[in-house]
Amino acid sequence: MSVTSDLIRGNTDTIILACLEQEDSYGYQINKTVSAATGGKYEMKEATLYTAFKRLEESGCVQSYWGAEMLGARRRYYRITDQGRRVLARLRQDWEESKQIIDTLTKGKQQDGE
């Protein structure tokens, strides 16, 4: 079963920030990391990835810098900022709450008192 884009699209920032929490990285590498972590079931489109980088940089969640590549083209790397770590914590909490709501709705669980 593959993961639908619609399900993940709203969590692009969370995914990118979580990757950058582990280490500084660049777009292609993050896409490879996401693909490997999902067993190839999900890959981010390049346009989506770079639009998210721009949005995250403008909001102060990430900073970019040019890497000193010995071979090939220089890569633009991204690092998470303290603001980005705070946002990531909130996004993770939002995700957990959303999962609980979706589980409740799709499994047919009823809240006490209803």
N, C-alpha and C. Protein backbone atom coordinates (compact mmCIF):
# COMPACT_ATOMS: atom_id res chain seq x y z
N MET A 1 0.85 -1.18 0.00
CA MET A 1 0.00 0.00 0.00
C MET A 1 0.89 1.24 0.00
N SER A 2 0.62 2.16 -0.90
CA SER A 2 1.41 3.38 -0.95
C SER A 2 0.71 4.48 -0.17
N VAL A 3 1.49 5.41 0.31
CA VAL A 3 0.96 6.53 1.07
C VAL A 3 0.47 7.58 0.08
N THR A 4 -0.74 8.06 0.27
CA THR A 4 -1.27 9.06 -0.64
C THR A 4 -0.67 10.43 -0.34
N SER A 5 -0.50 11.19 -1.39
CA SER A 5 0.06 12.53 -1.25
C SER A 5 -0.84 13.41 -0.41
N ASP A 6 -2.15 13.26 -0.56
CA ASP A 6 -3.08 14.09 0.20
C ASP A 6 -2.90 13.91 1.70
N LEU A 7 -2.62 12.70 2.13
CA LEU A 7 -2.47 12.43 3.56
C LEU A 7 -1.22 13.10 4.13
N ILE A 8 -0.18 13.19 3.34
CA ILE A 8 1.09 13.71 3.84
C ILE A 8 1.29 15.19 3.52
N ARG A 9 0.64 15.69 2.50
CA ARG A 9 0.89 17.05 2.02
C ARG A 9 0.86 18.09 3.15
N GLY A 10 -0.08 18.00 4.05
CA GLY A 10 -0.19 18.96 5.14
C GLY A 10 0.89 18.82 6.20
N ASN A 11 1.73 17.82 6.06
CA ASN A 11 2.77 17.56 7.05
C ASN A 11 4.18 17.72 6.49
N THR A 12 4.29 18.35 5.35
CA THR A 12 5.60 18.53 4.71
C THR A 12 6.57 19.26 5.63
N ASP A 13 6.13 20.36 6.23
CA ASP A 13 7.01 21.12 7.12
C ASP A 13 7.49 20.26 8.28
N THR A 14 6.58 19.49 8.84
CA THR A 14 6.93 18.61 9.97
C THR A 14 8.00 17.61 9.56
N ILE A 15 7.82 17.02 8.40
CA ILE A 15 8.76 16.01 7.91
C ILE A 15 10.14 16.63 7.68
N ILE A 16 10.17 17.79 7.04
CA ILE A 16 11.45 18.46 6.77
C ILE A 16 12.14 18.85 8.07
N LEU A 17 11.40 19.47 8.98
CA LEU A 17 12.00 19.88 10.25
C LEU A 17 12.51 18.68 11.04
N ALA A 18 11.77 17.57 11.01
CA ALA A 18 12.21 16.37 11.71
C ALA A 18 13.50 15.83 11.12
N CYS A 19 13.63 15.87 9.80
CA CYS A 19 14.88 15.45 9.15
C CYS A 19 16.03 16.36 9.56
N LEU A 20 15.78 17.66 9.57
CA LEU A 20 16.84 18.63 9.90
C LEU A 20 17.17 18.60 11.38
N GLU A 21 16.26 18.11 12.20
CA GLU A 21 16.57 17.96 13.62
C GLU A 21 17.69 16.95 13.82
N GLN A 22 17.78 15.98 12.92
CA GLN A 22 18.81 14.95 13.00
C GLN A 22 20.17 15.46 12.53
N GLU A 23 20.14 16.22 11.42
CA GLU A 23 21.38 16.77 10.85
C GLU A 23 21.05 17.78 9.77
N ASP A 24 21.98 18.70 9.53
CA ASP A 24 21.84 19.63 8.42
C ASP A 24 21.78 18.80 7.14
N SER A 25 21.04 19.29 6.17
CA SER A 25 20.90 18.52 4.94
C SER A 25 20.49 19.43 3.79
N TYR A 26 20.36 18.85 2.61
CA TYR A 26 19.93 19.57 1.41
C TYR A 26 18.77 18.81 0.79
N GLY A 27 18.08 19.46 -0.13
CA GLY A 27 16.83 18.93 -0.65
C GLY A 27 16.88 17.51 -1.16
N TYR A 28 17.80 17.21 -2.04
CA TYR A 28 17.88 15.87 -2.62
C TYR A 28 18.10 14.82 -1.55
N GLN A 29 18.96 15.12 -0.59
CA GLN A 29 19.25 14.16 0.48
C GLN A 29 18.02 13.95 1.36
N ILE A 30 17.28 15.00 1.65
CA ILE A 30 16.07 14.84 2.46
C ILE A 30 15.07 13.97 1.71
N ASN A 31 14.93 14.19 0.42
CA ASN A 31 14.02 13.36 -0.37
C ASN A 31 14.45 11.90 -0.35
N LYS A 32 15.74 11.64 -0.46
CA LYS A 32 16.25 10.26 -0.38
C LYS A 32 15.98 9.67 1.00
N THR A 33 16.14 10.47 2.05
CA THR A 33 15.90 10.01 3.42
C THR A 33 14.43 9.63 3.60
N VAL A 34 13.53 10.48 3.11
CA VAL A 34 12.10 10.22 3.21
C VAL A 34 11.74 8.96 2.44
N SER A 35 12.26 8.83 1.24
CA SER A 35 11.98 7.65 0.42
C SER A 35 12.48 6.37 1.10
N ALA A 36 13.69 6.43 1.63
CA ALA A 36 14.27 5.25 2.30
C ALA A 36 13.47 4.90 3.56
N ALA A 37 13.09 5.92 4.34
CA ALA A 37 12.36 5.68 5.58
C ALA A 37 10.99 5.08 5.33
N THR A 38 10.41 5.37 4.17
CA THR A 38 9.07 4.85 3.85
C THR A 38 9.13 3.64 2.92
N GLY A 39 10.32 3.10 2.74
CA GLY A 39 10.45 1.95 1.85
C GLY A 39 10.05 2.27 0.42
N GLY A 40 10.25 3.53 0.01
CA GLY A 40 9.92 3.95 -1.34
C GLY A 40 8.45 4.26 -1.56
N LYS A 41 7.66 4.24 -0.49
CA LYS A 41 6.22 4.49 -0.63
C LYS A 41 5.88 5.97 -0.76
N TYR A 42 6.82 6.84 -0.39
CA TYR A 42 6.55 8.27 -0.50
C TYR A 42 7.82 9.01 -0.87
N GLU A 43 7.67 9.89 -1.84
CA GLU A 43 8.74 10.80 -2.23
C GLU A 43 8.14 12.18 -2.38
N MET A 44 8.86 13.18 -1.95
CA MET A 44 8.39 14.55 -2.08
C MET A 44 8.72 15.07 -3.47
N LYS A 45 7.81 15.81 -4.04
CA LYS A 45 8.09 16.45 -5.32
C LYS A 45 9.07 17.58 -5.06
N GLU A 46 9.96 17.78 -6.02
CA GLU A 46 11.00 18.79 -5.86
C GLU A 46 10.39 20.18 -5.62
N ALA A 47 9.35 20.51 -6.36
CA ALA A 47 8.72 21.83 -6.20
C ALA A 47 8.14 21.98 -4.80
N THR A 48 7.52 20.94 -4.28
CA THR A 48 6.95 20.96 -2.93
C THR A 48 8.05 21.17 -1.90
N LEU A 49 9.13 20.46 -2.07
CA LEU A 49 10.25 20.52 -1.14
C LEU A 49 10.85 21.93 -1.09
N TYR A 50 11.13 22.51 -2.23
CA TYR A 50 11.78 23.80 -2.25
C TYR A 50 10.84 24.94 -1.88
N THR A 51 9.55 24.79 -2.16
CA THR A 51 8.57 25.76 -1.68
C THR A 51 8.52 25.74 -0.16
N ALA A 52 8.57 24.54 0.41
CA ALA A 52 8.57 24.41 1.87
C ALA A 52 9.85 25.01 2.46
N PHE A 53 11.00 24.76 1.85
CA PHE A 53 12.25 25.36 2.34
C PHE A 53 12.14 26.88 2.38
N LYS A 54 11.61 27.45 1.32
CA LYS A 54 11.48 28.91 1.26
C LYS A 54 10.56 29.40 2.38
N ARG A 55 9.42 28.74 2.55
CA ARG A 55 8.47 29.12 3.60
C ARG A 55 9.10 28.98 4.98
N LEU A 56 9.81 27.89 5.22
CA LEU A 56 10.44 27.65 6.52
C LEU A 56 11.56 28.65 6.78
N GLU A 57 12.28 29.03 5.75
CA GLU A 57 13.35 30.00 5.93
C GLU A 57 12.77 31.39 6.22
N GLU A 58 11.72 31.76 5.50
CA GLU A 58 11.08 33.06 5.72
C GLU A 58 10.47 33.17 7.11
N SER A 59 10.03 32.05 7.66
CA SER A 59 9.41 32.06 9.00
C SER A 59 10.44 31.92 10.12
N GLY A 60 11.71 31.76 9.76
CA GLY A 60 12.77 31.66 10.76
C GLY A 60 12.96 30.26 11.34
N CYS A 61 12.34 29.27 10.72
CA CYS A 61 12.46 27.89 11.22
C CYS A 61 13.74 27.19 10.75
N VAL A 62 14.26 27.63 9.60
CA VAL A 62 15.51 27.06 9.09
C VAL A 62 16.39 28.20 8.58
N GLN A 63 17.67 27.90 8.51
CA GLN A 63 18.65 28.79 7.89
C GLN A 63 19.34 27.99 6.81
N SER A 64 19.70 28.67 5.73
CA SER A 64 20.41 27.98 4.66
C SER A 64 21.84 28.50 4.57
N TYR A 65 22.67 27.66 4.01
CA TYR A 65 24.06 28.04 3.75
C TYR A 65 24.59 27.18 2.62
N TRP A 66 25.60 27.68 1.97
CA TRP A 66 26.20 26.94 0.86
C TRP A 66 27.30 26.03 1.39
N GLY A 67 27.21 24.76 1.01
CA GLY A 67 28.23 23.81 1.39
C GLY A 67 29.44 23.92 0.48
N ALA A 68 30.58 23.52 0.99
CA ALA A 68 31.81 23.53 0.20
C ALA A 68 31.99 22.15 -0.40
N GLU A 69 31.45 21.95 -1.57
CA GLU A 69 31.52 20.65 -2.24
C GLU A 69 32.84 20.49 -2.98
N MET A 70 33.46 19.38 -2.80
CA MET A 70 34.72 19.12 -3.47
C MET A 70 34.49 18.69 -4.92
N LEU A 71 33.45 17.93 -5.16
CA LEU A 71 33.13 17.45 -6.50
C LEU A 71 31.71 17.88 -6.85
N GLY A 72 31.50 18.31 -8.07
CA GLY A 72 30.15 18.66 -8.50
C GLY A 72 29.75 20.05 -8.03
N ALA A 73 28.46 20.31 -8.17
CA ALA A 73 27.92 21.63 -7.84
C ALA A 73 27.83 21.83 -6.32
N ARG A 74 27.93 23.09 -5.92
CA ARG A 74 27.74 23.41 -4.50
C ARG A 74 26.28 23.19 -4.14
N ARG A 75 26.06 22.72 -2.95
CA ARG A 75 24.71 22.45 -2.50
C ARG A 75 24.30 23.47 -1.45
N ARG A 76 23.02 23.81 -1.47
CA ARG A 76 22.47 24.68 -0.45
C ARG A 76 21.95 23.78 0.67
N TYR A 77 22.57 23.92 1.82
CA TYR A 77 22.20 23.13 2.99
C TYR A 77 21.25 23.93 3.87
N TYR A 78 20.48 23.20 4.66
CA TYR A 78 19.54 23.82 5.59
C TYR A 78 19.80 23.27 6.98
N ARG A 79 19.63 24.15 7.97
CA ARG A 79 19.73 23.73 9.37
C ARG A 79 18.51 24.25 10.10
N ILE A 80 18.07 23.49 11.08
CA ILE A 80 16.93 23.90 11.89
C ILE A 80 17.41 24.94 12.91
N THR A 81 16.55 25.91 13.19
CA THR A 81 16.86 26.94 14.17
C THR A 81 16.13 26.62 15.49
N ASP A 82 16.40 27.41 16.52
CA ASP A 82 15.67 27.23 17.77
C ASP A 82 14.17 27.43 17.54
N GLN A 83 13.83 28.43 16.72
CA GLN A 83 12.42 28.66 16.37
C GLN A 83 11.86 27.42 15.68
N GLY A 84 12.63 26.83 14.79
CA GLY A 84 12.20 25.62 14.09
C GLY A 84 11.96 24.46 15.04
N ARG A 85 12.77 24.34 16.07
CA ARG A 85 12.59 23.27 17.06
C ARG A 85 11.30 23.48 17.85
N ARG A 86 10.99 24.73 18.17
CA ARG A 86 9.73 25.02 18.87
C ARG A 86 8.53 24.70 17.97
N VAL A 87 8.63 25.10 16.72
CA VAL A 87 7.55 24.83 15.76
C VAL A 87 7.40 23.32 15.57
N LEU A 88 8.50 22.61 15.45
CA LEU A 88 8.45 21.16 15.28
C LEU A 88 7.75 20.50 16.47
N ALA A 89 8.04 20.93 17.67
CA ALA A 89 7.39 20.36 18.86
C ALA A 89 5.88 20.58 18.79
N ARG A 90 5.47 21.77 18.38
CA ARG A 90 4.03 22.06 18.26
C ARG A 90 3.40 21.23 17.14
N LEU A 91 4.08 21.11 16.01
CA LEU A 91 3.56 20.33 14.89
C LEU A 91 3.43 18.85 15.27
N ARG A 92 4.38 18.34 16.04
CA ARG A 92 4.28 16.94 16.49
C ARG A 92 3.07 16.76 17.40
N GLN A 93 2.85 17.72 18.28
CA GLN A 93 1.69 17.65 19.17
C GLN A 93 0.39 17.71 18.34
N ASP A 94 0.34 18.62 17.36
CA ASP A 94 -0.82 18.72 16.48
C ASP A 94 -1.06 17.39 15.76
N TRP A 95 0.01 16.76 15.29
CA TRP A 95 -0.10 15.49 14.58
C TRP A 95 -0.68 14.40 15.49
N GLU A 96 -0.18 14.32 16.71
CA GLU A 96 -0.69 13.31 17.65
C GLU A 96 -2.18 13.52 17.93
N GLU A 97 -2.58 14.77 18.11
CA GLU A 97 -3.99 15.05 18.34
C GLU A 97 -4.83 14.71 17.11
N SER A 98 -4.32 15.02 15.93
CA SER A 98 -5.02 14.70 14.69
C SER A 98 -5.16 13.19 14.52
N LYS A 99 -4.09 12.45 14.82
CA LYS A 99 -4.16 10.98 14.72
C LYS A 99 -5.24 10.43 15.63
N GLN A 100 -5.32 10.96 16.84
CA GLN A 100 -6.34 10.47 17.79
C GLN A 100 -7.74 10.74 17.26
N ILE A 101 -7.95 11.92 16.71
CA ILE A 101 -9.27 12.26 16.16
C ILE A 101 -9.61 11.35 14.99
N ILE A 102 -8.66 11.16 14.07
CA ILE A 102 -8.91 10.31 12.91
C ILE A 102 -9.15 8.87 13.35
N ASP A 103 -8.35 8.37 14.31
CA ASP A 103 -8.57 7.02 14.82
C ASP A 103 -9.97 6.88 15.40
N THR A 104 -10.38 7.86 16.16
CA THR A 104 -11.71 7.83 16.76
C THR A 104 -12.78 7.79 15.68
N LEU A 105 -12.64 8.62 14.68
CA LEU A 105 -13.66 8.70 13.64
C LEU A 105 -13.67 7.47 12.74
N THR A 106 -12.51 6.92 12.44
CA THR A 106 -12.46 5.79 11.51
C THR A 106 -12.69 4.45 12.18
N LYS A 107 -12.45 4.37 13.48
CA LYS A 107 -12.66 3.11 14.20
C LYS A 107 -14.03 3.06 14.85
N GLY A 108 -14.74 4.17 14.79
CA GLY A 108 -16.09 4.19 15.33
C GLY A 108 -16.15 4.24 16.84
N LYS A 109 -15.06 4.67 17.48
CA LYS A 109 -15.07 4.78 18.95
C LYS A 109 -15.97 5.95 19.34
N GLN A 110 -16.74 5.78 20.38
CA GLN A 110 -17.59 6.84 20.91
C GLN A 110 -16.98 7.40 22.17
N GLN A 111 -17.09 8.70 22.32
CA GLN A 111 -16.60 9.34 23.55
C GLN A 111 -17.55 9.02 24.69
N ASP A 112 -17.04 8.96 25.92
CA ASP A 112 -17.89 8.75 27.09
C ASP A 112 -18.92 9.85 27.17
N GLY A 113 -20.16 9.48 27.50
CA GLY A 113 -21.22 10.45 27.69
C GLY A 113 -21.96 10.80 26.42
N GLU A 114 -21.64 10.14 25.31
CA GLU A 114 -22.36 10.44 24.05
C GLU A 114 -23.34 9.35 23.73
